[in-house]
PDB file of N, CA and C in Angstrom:
ATOM      1  N   UNK A   1      58.063  -9.648   6.198  1.00  0.00           N
ATOM      2  CA  UNK A   1      57.992  -9.225   7.837  1.00  0.00           C
ATOM      3  C   UNK A   1      59.246  -8.483   7.893  1.00  0.00           C
ATOM      4  N   UNK A   2      57.798  -6.878   8.519  1.00  0.00           N
ATOM      5  CA  UNK A   2      58.947  -5.283   9.022  1.00  0.00           C
ATOM      6  C   UNK A   2      60.379  -5.434  10.202  1.00  0.00           C
ATOM      7  N   UNK A   3      60.847  -4.820  10.620  1.00  0.00           N
ATOM      8  CA  UNK A   3      61.682  -5.498  11.652  1.00  0.00           C
ATOM      9  C   UNK A   3      61.195  -5.271  13.408  1.00  0.00           C
ATOM     10  N   UNK A   4      60.430  -3.926  12.670  1.00  0.00           N
ATOM     11  CA  UNK A   4      59.658  -4.075  14.643  1.00  0.00           C
ATOM     12  C   UNK A   4      58.531  -5.105  14.595  1.00  0.00           C
ATOM     13  N   UNK A   5      58.062  -5.994  13.624  1.00  0.00           N
ATOM     14  CA  UNK A   5      57.391  -6.812  13.942  1.00  0.00           C
ATOM     15  C   UNK A   5      57.816  -7.800  13.915  1.00  0.00           C
ATOM     16  N   UNK A   6      59.265  -8.391  12.972  1.00  0.00           N
ATOM     17  CA  UNK A   6      60.255  -9.425  14.074  1.00  0.00           C
ATOM     18  C   UNK A   6      60.651  -9.543  15.618  1.00  0.00           C
ATOM     19  N   UNK A   7      60.942  -7.928  15.983  1.00  0.00           N
ATOM     20  CA  UNK A   7      61.220  -7.484  17.241  1.00  0.00           C
ATOM     21  C   UNK A   7      59.902  -8.028  18.001  1.00  0.00           C
ATOM     22  N   UNK A   8      58.459  -7.991  17.808  1.00  0.00           N
ATOM     23  CA  UNK A   8      57.614  -8.545  18.880  1.00  0.00           C
ATOM     24  C   UNK A   8      57.664 -10.035  18.581  1.00  0.00           C
ATOM     25  N   UNK A   9      57.497 -10.639  18.106  1.00  0.00           N
ATOM     26  CA  UNK A   9      58.361 -11.963  17.732  1.00  0.00           C
ATOM     27  C   UNK A   9      58.707 -12.503  18.819  1.00  0.00           C
ATOM     28  N   UNK A  10      60.159 -11.856  18.137  1.00  0.00           N
ATOM     29  CA  UNK A  10      61.117 -12.003  18.733  1.00  0.00           C
ATOM     30  C   UNK A  10      60.938 -11.958  20.952  1.00  0.00           C
ATOM     31  N   UNK A  11      59.904 -10.348  21.262  1.00  0.00           N
ATOM     32  CA  UNK A  11      59.846 -10.879  22.673  1.00  0.00           C
ATOM     33  C   UNK A  11      58.704 -12.046  22.903  1.00  0.00           C
ATOM     34  N   UNK A  12      57.726 -12.075  22.269  1.00  0.00           N
ATOM     35  CA  UNK A  12      57.003 -13.078  21.984  1.00  0.00           C
ATOM     36  C   UNK A  12      57.837 -14.174  22.424  1.00  0.00           C
ATOM     37  N   UNK A  13      58.402 -14.497  21.501  1.00  0.00           N
ATOM     38  CA  UNK A  13      58.769 -15.469  21.870  1.00  0.00           C
ATOM     39  C   UNK A  13      59.185 -15.421  22.685  1.00  0.00           C
ATOM     40  N   UNK A  14      60.668 -14.891  23.429  1.00  0.00           N
ATOM     41  CA  UNK A  14      61.437 -14.984  24.529  1.00  0.00           C
ATOM     42  C   UNK A  14      60.271 -14.969  26.329  1.00  0.00           C
ATOM     43  N   UNK A  15      58.868 -14.360  25.959  1.00  0.00           N
ATOM     44  CA  UNK A  15      58.225 -13.877  27.040  1.00  0.00           C
ATOM     45  C   UNK A  15      57.050 -15.636  27.213  1.00  0.00           C
ATOM     46  N   UNK A  16      57.300 -16.154  26.671  1.00  0.00           N
ATOM     47  CA  UNK A  16      56.433 -17.767  26.182  1.00  0.00           C
ATOM     48  C   UNK A  16      57.007 -18.697  26.872  1.00  0.00           C
ATOM     49  N   UNK A  17      58.985 -18.700  26.586  1.00  0.00           N
ATOM     50  CA  UNK A  17      60.148 -19.940  27.387  1.00  0.00           C
ATOM     51  C   UNK A  17      59.780 -18.912  28.412  1.00  0.00           C
ATOM     52  N   UNK A  18      59.896 -18.348  28.909  1.00  0.00           N
ATOM     53  CA  UNK A  18      59.786 -18.256  30.297  1.00  0.00           C
ATOM     54  C   UNK A  18      58.974 -18.276  30.916  1.00  0.00           C
ATOM     55  N   UNK A  19      57.553 -17.675  30.467  1.00  0.00           N
ATOM     56  CA  UNK A  19      56.829 -18.703  31.312  1.00  0.00           C
ATOM     57  C   UNK A  19      56.578 -20.251  31.339  1.00  0.00           C
ATOM     58  N   UNK A  20      56.881 -20.786  29.719  1.00  0.00           N
ATOM     59  CA  UNK A  20      57.015 -22.155  30.216  1.00  0.00           C
ATOM     60  C   UNK A  20      58.403 -22.548  30.721  1.00  0.00           C
ATOM     61  N   UNK A  21      59.238 -22.061  31.573  1.00  0.00           N
ATOM     62  CA  UNK A  21      59.922 -21.969  32.712  1.00  0.00           C
ATOM     63  C   UNK A  21      59.268 -22.025  33.301  1.00  0.00           C
ATOM     64  N   UNK A  22      59.045 -21.313  34.478  1.00  0.00           N
ATOM     65  CA  UNK A  22      58.250 -20.778  35.400  1.00  0.00           C
ATOM     66  C   UNK A  22      57.037 -21.785  35.869  1.00  0.00           C
ATOM     67  N   UNK A  23      56.388 -22.318  34.924  1.00  0.00           N
ATOM     68  CA  UNK A  23      55.605 -23.857  35.284  1.00  0.00           C
ATOM     69  C   UNK A  23      55.940 -24.871  35.604  1.00  0.00           C
ATOM     70  N   UNK A  24      57.687 -24.932  35.347  1.00  0.00           N
ATOM     71  CA  UNK A  24      58.202 -26.086  35.381  1.00  0.00           C
ATOM     72  C   UNK A  24      58.871 -26.234  36.606  1.00  0.00           C
ATOM     73  N   UNK A  25      58.913 -24.531  36.496  1.00  0.00           N
ATOM     74  CA  UNK A  25      59.951 -24.388  38.689  1.00  0.00           C
ATOM     75  C   UNK A  25      59.090 -24.526  39.662  1.00  0.00           C
ATOM     76  N   UNK A  26      57.778 -24.691  39.008  1.00  0.00           N
ATOM     77  CA  UNK A  26      56.036 -24.956  39.769  1.00  0.00           C
ATOM     78  C   UNK A  26      56.201 -26.217  40.128  1.00  0.00           C
ATOM     79  N   UNK A  27      55.986 -26.725  38.985  1.00  0.00           N
ATOM     80  CA  UNK A  27      55.644 -28.141  39.555  1.00  0.00           C
ATOM     81  C   UNK A  27      56.800 -28.301  40.445  1.00  0.00           C
ATOM     82  N   UNK A  28      57.809 -28.825  39.984  1.00  0.00           N
ATOM     83  CA  UNK A  28      58.548 -29.517  40.400  1.00  0.00           C
ATOM     84  C   UNK A  28      58.312 -29.094  41.886  1.00  0.00           C
ATOM     85  N   UNK A  29      57.486 -28.097  42.409  1.00  0.00           N
ATOM     86  CA  UNK A  29      57.570 -28.267  43.961  1.00  0.00           C
ATOM     87  C   UNK A  29      56.129 -28.131  44.652  1.00  0.00           C
ATOM     88  N   UNK A  30      55.341 -27.941  43.608  1.00  0.00           N
ATOM     89  CA  UNK A  30      54.374 -29.244  43.648  1.00  0.00           C
ATOM     90  C   UNK A  30      53.809 -30.846  44.618  1.00  0.00           C
ATOM     91  N   UNK A  31      53.084 -30.815  45.595  1.00  0.00           N
ATOM     92  CA  UNK A  31      52.987 -32.008  45.716  1.00  0.00           C
ATOM     93  C   UNK A  31      51.184 -32.319  46.258  1.00  0.00           C
ATOM     94  N   UNK A  32      51.094 -31.722  45.259  1.00  0.00           N
ATOM     95  CA  UNK A  32      48.789 -31.791  45.235  1.00  0.00           C
ATOM     96  C   UNK A  32      48.876 -32.171  43.402  1.00  0.00           C
ATOM     97  N   UNK A  33      48.519 -32.526  43.375  1.00  0.00           N
ATOM     98  CA  UNK A  33      48.810 -33.102  42.363  1.00  0.00           C
ATOM     99  C   UNK A  33      47.307 -32.565  41.047  1.00  0.00           C
ATOM    100  N   UNK A  34      46.058 -32.031  41.458  1.00  0.00           N
ATOM    101  CA  UNK A  34      45.071 -31.490  41.040  1.00  0.00           C
ATOM    102  C   UNK A  34      45.596 -30.339  40.195  1.00  0.00           C
ATOM    103  N   UNK A  35      46.457 -29.531  41.787  1.00  0.00           N
ATOM    104  CA  UNK A  35      47.275 -28.635  40.669  1.00  0.00           C
ATOM    105  C   UNK A  35      48.323 -28.089  40.047  1.00  0.00           C
ATOM    106  N   UNK A  36      49.087 -29.745  40.076  1.00  0.00           N
ATOM    107  CA  UNK A  36      50.027 -29.968  39.182  1.00  0.00           C
ATOM    108  C   UNK A  36      49.674 -30.439  37.944  1.00  0.00           C
ATOM    109  N   UNK A  37      48.696 -31.026  37.707  1.00  0.00           N
ATOM    110  CA  UNK A  37      48.359 -31.196  36.540  1.00  0.00           C
ATOM    111  C   UNK A  37      47.796 -29.970  35.743  1.00  0.00           C
ATOM    112  N   UNK A  38      47.505 -28.459  36.658  1.00  0.00           N
ATOM    113  CA  UNK A  38      46.288 -27.309  35.636  1.00  0.00           C
ATOM    114  C   UNK A  38      47.411 -26.822  35.657  1.00  0.00           C
ATOM    115  N   UNK A  39      48.428 -26.480  36.572  1.00  0.00           N
ATOM    116  CA  UNK A  39      50.195 -26.423  36.249  1.00  0.00           C
ATOM    117  C   UNK A  39      50.839 -26.521  34.167  1.00  0.00           C
ATOM    118  N   UNK A  40      50.574 -28.133  34.824  1.00  0.00           N
ATOM    119  CA  UNK A  40      50.790 -28.324  33.413  1.00  0.00           C
ATOM    120  C   UNK A  40      50.801 -28.192  32.254  1.00  0.00           C
ATOM    121  N   UNK A  41      48.923 -28.285  32.364  1.00  0.00           N
ATOM    122  CA  UNK A  41      48.670 -27.614  31.438  1.00  0.00           C
ATOM    123  C   UNK A  41      48.747 -26.077  30.448  1.00  0.00           C
ATOM    124  N   UNK A  42      48.793 -25.270  32.034  1.00  0.00           N
ATOM    125  CA  UNK A  42      49.493 -24.116  30.959  1.00  0.00           C
ATOM    126  C   UNK A  42      50.765 -23.978  30.318  1.00  0.00           C
ATOM    127  N   UNK A  43      51.291 -25.281  31.012  1.00  0.00           N
ATOM    128  CA  UNK A  43      52.761 -25.051  30.243  1.00  0.00           C
ATOM    129  C   UNK A  43      52.831 -25.928  28.966  1.00  0.00           C
ATOM    130  N   UNK A  44      51.752 -26.223  28.770  1.00  0.00           N
ATOM    131  CA  UNK A  44      51.892 -26.785  27.435  1.00  0.00           C
ATOM    132  C   UNK A  44      51.073 -25.883  26.109  1.00  0.00           C
ATOM    133  N   UNK A  45      49.637 -25.443  27.409  1.00  0.00           N
ATOM    134  CA  UNK A  45      49.080 -24.111  25.984  1.00  0.00           C
ATOM    135  C   UNK A  45      50.327 -23.024  25.963  1.00  0.00           C
ATOM    136  N   UNK A  46      51.968 -23.122  26.970  1.00  0.00           N
ATOM    137  CA  UNK A  46      52.163 -21.444  26.301  1.00  0.00           C
ATOM    138  C   UNK A  46      53.122 -22.556  25.225  1.00  0.00           C
ATOM    139  N   UNK A  47      53.587 -24.124  25.151  1.00  0.00           N
ATOM    140  CA  UNK A  47      53.832 -24.764  24.081  1.00  0.00           C
ATOM    141  C   UNK A  47      53.822 -24.168  22.928  1.00  0.00           C
ATOM    142  N   UNK A  48      52.457 -24.500  22.898  1.00  0.00           N
ATOM    143  CA  UNK A  48      51.950 -23.865  21.270  1.00  0.00           C
ATOM    144  C   UNK A  48      51.582 -23.241  21.810  1.00  0.00           C
ATOM    145  N   UNK A  49      51.983 -21.732  22.294  1.00  0.00           N
ATOM    146  CA  UNK A  49      51.911 -20.652  21.891  1.00  0.00           C
ATOM    147  C   UNK A  49      52.855 -20.458  20.765  1.00  0.00           C
ATOM    148  N   UNK A  50      54.038 -21.081  21.809  1.00  0.00           N
ATOM    149  CA  UNK A  50      55.361 -20.727  21.142  1.00  0.00           C
ATOM    150  C   UNK A  50      55.161 -21.203  19.954  1.00  0.00           C
ATOM    151  N   UNK A  51      55.566 -22.372  19.855  1.00  0.00           N
ATOM    152  CA  UNK A  51      54.818 -22.827  18.847  1.00  0.00           C
ATOM    153  C   UNK A  51      55.036 -22.193  17.480  1.00  0.00           C
ATOM    154  N   UNK A  52      53.449 -21.689  17.518  1.00  0.00           N
ATOM    155  CA  UNK A  52      52.817 -21.146  16.740  1.00  0.00           C
ATOM    156  C   UNK A  52      53.555 -20.426  16.447  1.00  0.00           C
ATOM    157  N   UNK A  53      54.380 -18.424  17.052  1.00  0.00           N
ATOM    158  CA  UNK A  53      55.052 -17.371  16.933  1.00  0.00           C
ATOM    159  C   UNK A  53      55.514 -18.503  16.012  1.00  0.00           C
ATOM    160  N   UNK A  54      56.607 -19.363  16.352  1.00  0.00           N
ATOM    161  CA  UNK A  54      58.237 -19.771  16.264  1.00  0.00           C
ATOM    162  C   UNK A  54      58.244 -19.929  14.534  1.00  0.00           C
ATOM    163  N   UNK A  55      56.468 -20.635  14.379  1.00  0.00           N
ATOM    164  CA  UNK A  55      55.806 -21.040  13.063  1.00  0.00           C
ATOM    165  C   UNK A  55      55.772 -19.740  11.851  1.00  0.00           C
ATOM    166  N   UNK A  56      54.927 -18.928  11.944  1.00  0.00           N
ATOM    167  CA  UNK A  56      55.162 -17.236  11.793  1.00  0.00           C
ATOM    168  C   UNK A  56      56.611 -16.367  10.968  1.00  0.00           C
ATOM    169  N   UNK A  57      58.007 -17.462  11.837  1.00  0.00           N
ATOM    170  CA  UNK A  57      58.938 -17.206  11.891  1.00  0.00           C
ATOM    171  C   UNK A  57      59.255 -17.527  10.158  1.00  0.00           C
TER     172      UNK A  57
END
């Protein structure tokens, strides 16, 4: 893996962690269960993407 590819993966991992934290933050403020469930699914999807990217390392 080239240094440029490694840098891309590091950036992508950071973005996915950021998205997860924002989803979790939003879930803490929501009272609507339907919307909360939707955001929870988004957080799980970002966790899966993070795991896939991390697996490339």
